[in-house]
Amino acid sequence: MNTRLTSSEPFPEDLGGLDLPEVEVLNSKIQRELAHAYVHDGEVDPETEFRSEELIQELDRRDAAATAPSAVSPQAFLPAGGDVRHL
């Protein structure tokens, strides 16, 4: 098992179609590849940087969706039974 994902290895076209654990594993592998490249090469492949940014955006999107308030129905503001004549 390789714990890094190099720029020459396949990368999903659509991160939105993956389950969260799959996105998290990809992110971990890309972060490990970034660290490896900095230490061993002194620079990072632009494709790896691009992939990292894509993953960060996808994880941020999912975090925002998970913490967004749910829509409130206008019915929630009506008195019991929904009779507006007694407001």
C-alpha atoms as a PDB file:
ATOM      1  CA  MET A   1       0.000   0.000   0.000  1.00  0.00           C
ATOM      2  CA  ASN A   2       1.336   3.392  -0.974  1.00  0.00           C
ATOM      3  CA  THR A   3       0.641   6.205   1.465  1.00  0.00           C
ATOM      4  CA  ARG A   4       1.348   8.910  -1.125  1.00  0.00           C
ATOM      5  CA  LEU A   5      -0.327   9.761  -4.435  1.00  0.00           C
ATOM      6  CA  THR A   6       2.079  11.053  -7.067  1.00  0.00           C
ATOM      7  CA  SER A   7       1.024  13.309  -9.924  1.00  0.00           C
ATOM      8  CA  SER A   8       1.436  10.425 -12.379  1.00  0.00           C
ATOM      9  CA  GLU A   9      -1.151   8.286 -10.571  1.00  0.00           C
ATOM     10  CA  PRO A  10      -4.876   8.456 -11.424  1.00  0.00           C
ATOM     11  CA  PHE A  11      -7.010  11.030  -9.636  1.00  0.00           C
ATOM     12  CA  PRO A  12     -10.838  11.180  -9.688  1.00  0.00           C
ATOM     13  CA  GLU A  13     -12.428  13.698 -12.050  1.00  0.00           C
ATOM     14  CA  ASP A  14     -15.356  14.343  -9.697  1.00  0.00           C
ATOM     15  CA  LEU A  15     -14.623  14.444  -5.977  1.00  0.00           C
ATOM     16  CA  GLY A  16     -18.294  15.129  -5.262  1.00  0.00           C
ATOM     17  CA  GLY A  17     -19.155  11.563  -6.223  1.00  0.00           C
ATOM     18  CA  LEU A  18     -16.896  10.083  -3.552  1.00  0.00           C
ATOM     19  CA  ASP A  19     -17.831   9.228   0.016  1.00  0.00           C
ATOM     20  CA  LEU A  20     -16.229  11.383   2.708  1.00  0.00           C
ATOM     21  CA  PRO A  21     -13.760   8.676   3.857  1.00  0.00           C
ATOM     22  CA  GLU A  22     -12.512   8.322   0.274  1.00  0.00           C
ATOM     23  CA  VAL A  23     -11.942  12.086   0.002  1.00  0.00           C
ATOM     24  CA  GLU A  24     -10.167  12.090   3.364  1.00  0.00           C
ATOM     25  CA  VAL A  25      -7.840   9.255   2.271  1.00  0.00           C
ATOM     26  CA  LEU A  26      -7.030  11.074  -0.975  1.00  0.00           C
ATOM     27  CA  ASN A  27      -6.339  14.254   0.981  1.00  0.00           C
ATOM     28  CA  SER A  28      -4.018  12.389   3.335  1.00  0.00           C
ATOM     29  CA  LYS A  29      -2.102  10.839   0.434  1.00  0.00           C
ATOM     30  CA  ILE A  30      -1.754  14.188  -1.337  1.00  0.00           C
ATOM     31  CA  GLN A  31      -0.569  15.912   1.859  1.00  0.00           C
ATOM     32  CA  ARG A  32       2.034  13.175   2.335  1.00  0.00           C
ATOM     33  CA  GLU A  33       3.159  13.616  -1.280  1.00  0.00           C
ATOM     34  CA  LEU A  34       3.481  17.385  -0.765  1.00  0.00           C
ATOM     35  CA  ALA A  35       5.627  16.853   2.339  1.00  0.00           C
ATOM     36  CA  HIS A  36       7.756  14.244   0.567  1.00  0.00           C
ATOM     37  CA  ALA A  37       8.322  16.517  -2.435  1.00  0.00           C
ATOM     38  CA  TYR A  38       9.323  19.492  -0.268  1.00  0.00           C
ATOM     39  CA  VAL A  39      11.798  17.411   1.735  1.00  0.00           C
ATOM     40  CA  HIS A  40      13.311  15.401  -1.120  1.00  0.00           C
ATOM     41  CA  ASP A  41      12.988  17.702  -4.136  1.00  0.00           C
ATOM     42  CA  GLY A  42      12.678  21.145  -2.604  1.00  0.00           C
ATOM     43  CA  GLU A  43       9.660  21.823  -4.802  1.00  0.00           C
ATOM     44  CA  VAL A  44       6.247  20.384  -5.567  1.00  0.00           C
ATOM     45  CA  ASP A  45       4.759  19.209  -8.845  1.00  0.00           C
ATOM     46  CA  PRO A  46       2.080  21.728  -9.938  1.00  0.00           C
ATOM     47  CA  GLU A  47      -0.390  18.879 -10.506  1.00  0.00           C
ATOM     48  CA  THR A  48      -0.021  17.790  -6.878  1.00  0.00           C
ATOM     49  CA  GLU A  49      -0.611  21.376  -5.714  1.00  0.00           C
ATOM     50  CA  PHE A  50      -3.707  21.568  -7.919  1.00  0.00           C
ATOM     51  CA  ARG A  51      -5.021  18.288  -6.525  1.00  0.00           C
ATOM     52  CA  SER A  52      -4.425  19.492  -2.987  1.00  0.00           C
ATOM     53  CA  GLU A  53      -6.412  22.664  -3.642  1.00  0.00           C
ATOM     54  CA  GLU A  54      -9.261  20.653  -5.195  1.00  0.00           C
ATOM     55  CA  LEU A  55      -9.411  18.406  -2.141  1.00  0.00           C
ATOM     56  CA  ILE A  56      -9.351  21.339   0.271  1.00  0.00           C
ATOM     57  CA  GLN A  57     -12.214  22.993  -1.610  1.00  0.00           C
ATOM     58  CA  GLU A  58     -14.232  19.761  -1.605  1.00  0.00           C
ATOM     59  CA  LEU A  59     -13.704  19.209   2.121  1.00  0.00           C
ATOM     60  CA  ASP A  60     -14.583  22.857   2.839  1.00  0.00           C
ATOM     61  CA  ARG A  61     -17.744  22.503   0.730  1.00  0.00           C
ATOM     62  CA  ARG A  62     -18.771  19.411   2.676  1.00  0.00           C
ATOM     63  CA  ASP A  63     -18.044  21.089   6.010  1.00  0.00           C
ATOM     64  CA  ALA A  64     -20.164  24.084   5.015  1.00  0.00           C
ATOM     65  CA  ALA A  65     -23.022  21.838   3.886  1.00  0.00           C
ATOM     66  CA  ALA A  66     -22.896  19.867   7.130  1.00  0.00           C
ATOM     67  CA  THR A  67     -23.032  22.990   9.297  1.00  0.00           C
ATOM     68  CA  ALA A  68     -25.534  25.002   7.236  1.00  0.00           C
ATOM     69  CA  PRO A  69     -28.806  25.652   9.044  1.00  0.00           C
ATOM     70  CA  SER A  70     -31.693  23.685   7.657  1.00  0.00           C
ATOM     71  CA  ALA A  71     -34.525  25.529   5.985  1.00  0.00           C
ATOM     72  CA  VAL A  72     -37.373  26.457   8.311  1.00  0.00           C
ATOM     73  CA  SER A  73     -40.891  26.001   7.052  1.00  0.00           C
ATOM     74  CA  PRO A  74     -43.153  29.063   7.345  1.00  0.00           C
ATOM     75  CA  GLN A  75     -45.647  26.710   9.022  1.00  0.00           C
ATOM     76  CA  ALA A  76     -43.305  26.584  12.026  1.00  0.00           C
ATOM     77  CA  PHE A  77     -44.317  30.153  12.894  1.00  0.00           C
ATOM     78  CA  LEU A  78     -48.075  29.503  12.894  1.00  0.00           C
ATOM     79  CA  PRO A  79     -49.990  28.730  16.083  1.00  0.00           C
ATOM     80  CA  ALA A  80     -50.936  25.143  16.780  1.00  0.00           C
ATOM     81  CA  GLY A  81     -53.462  24.009  14.216  1.00  0.00           C
ATOM     82  CA  GLY A  82     -52.287  26.624  11.720  1.00  0.00           C
ATOM     83  CA  ASP A  83     -55.210  28.999  12.363  1.00  0.00           C
ATOM     84  CA  VAL A  84     -53.887  32.462  11.470  1.00  0.00           C
ATOM     85  CA  ARG A  85     -57.137  34.225  12.501  1.00  0.00           C
ATOM     86  CA  HIS A  86     -55.977  34.244  16.122  1.00  0.00           C
ATOM     87  CA  LEU A  87     -52.630  35.961  15.567  1.00  0.00           C
END
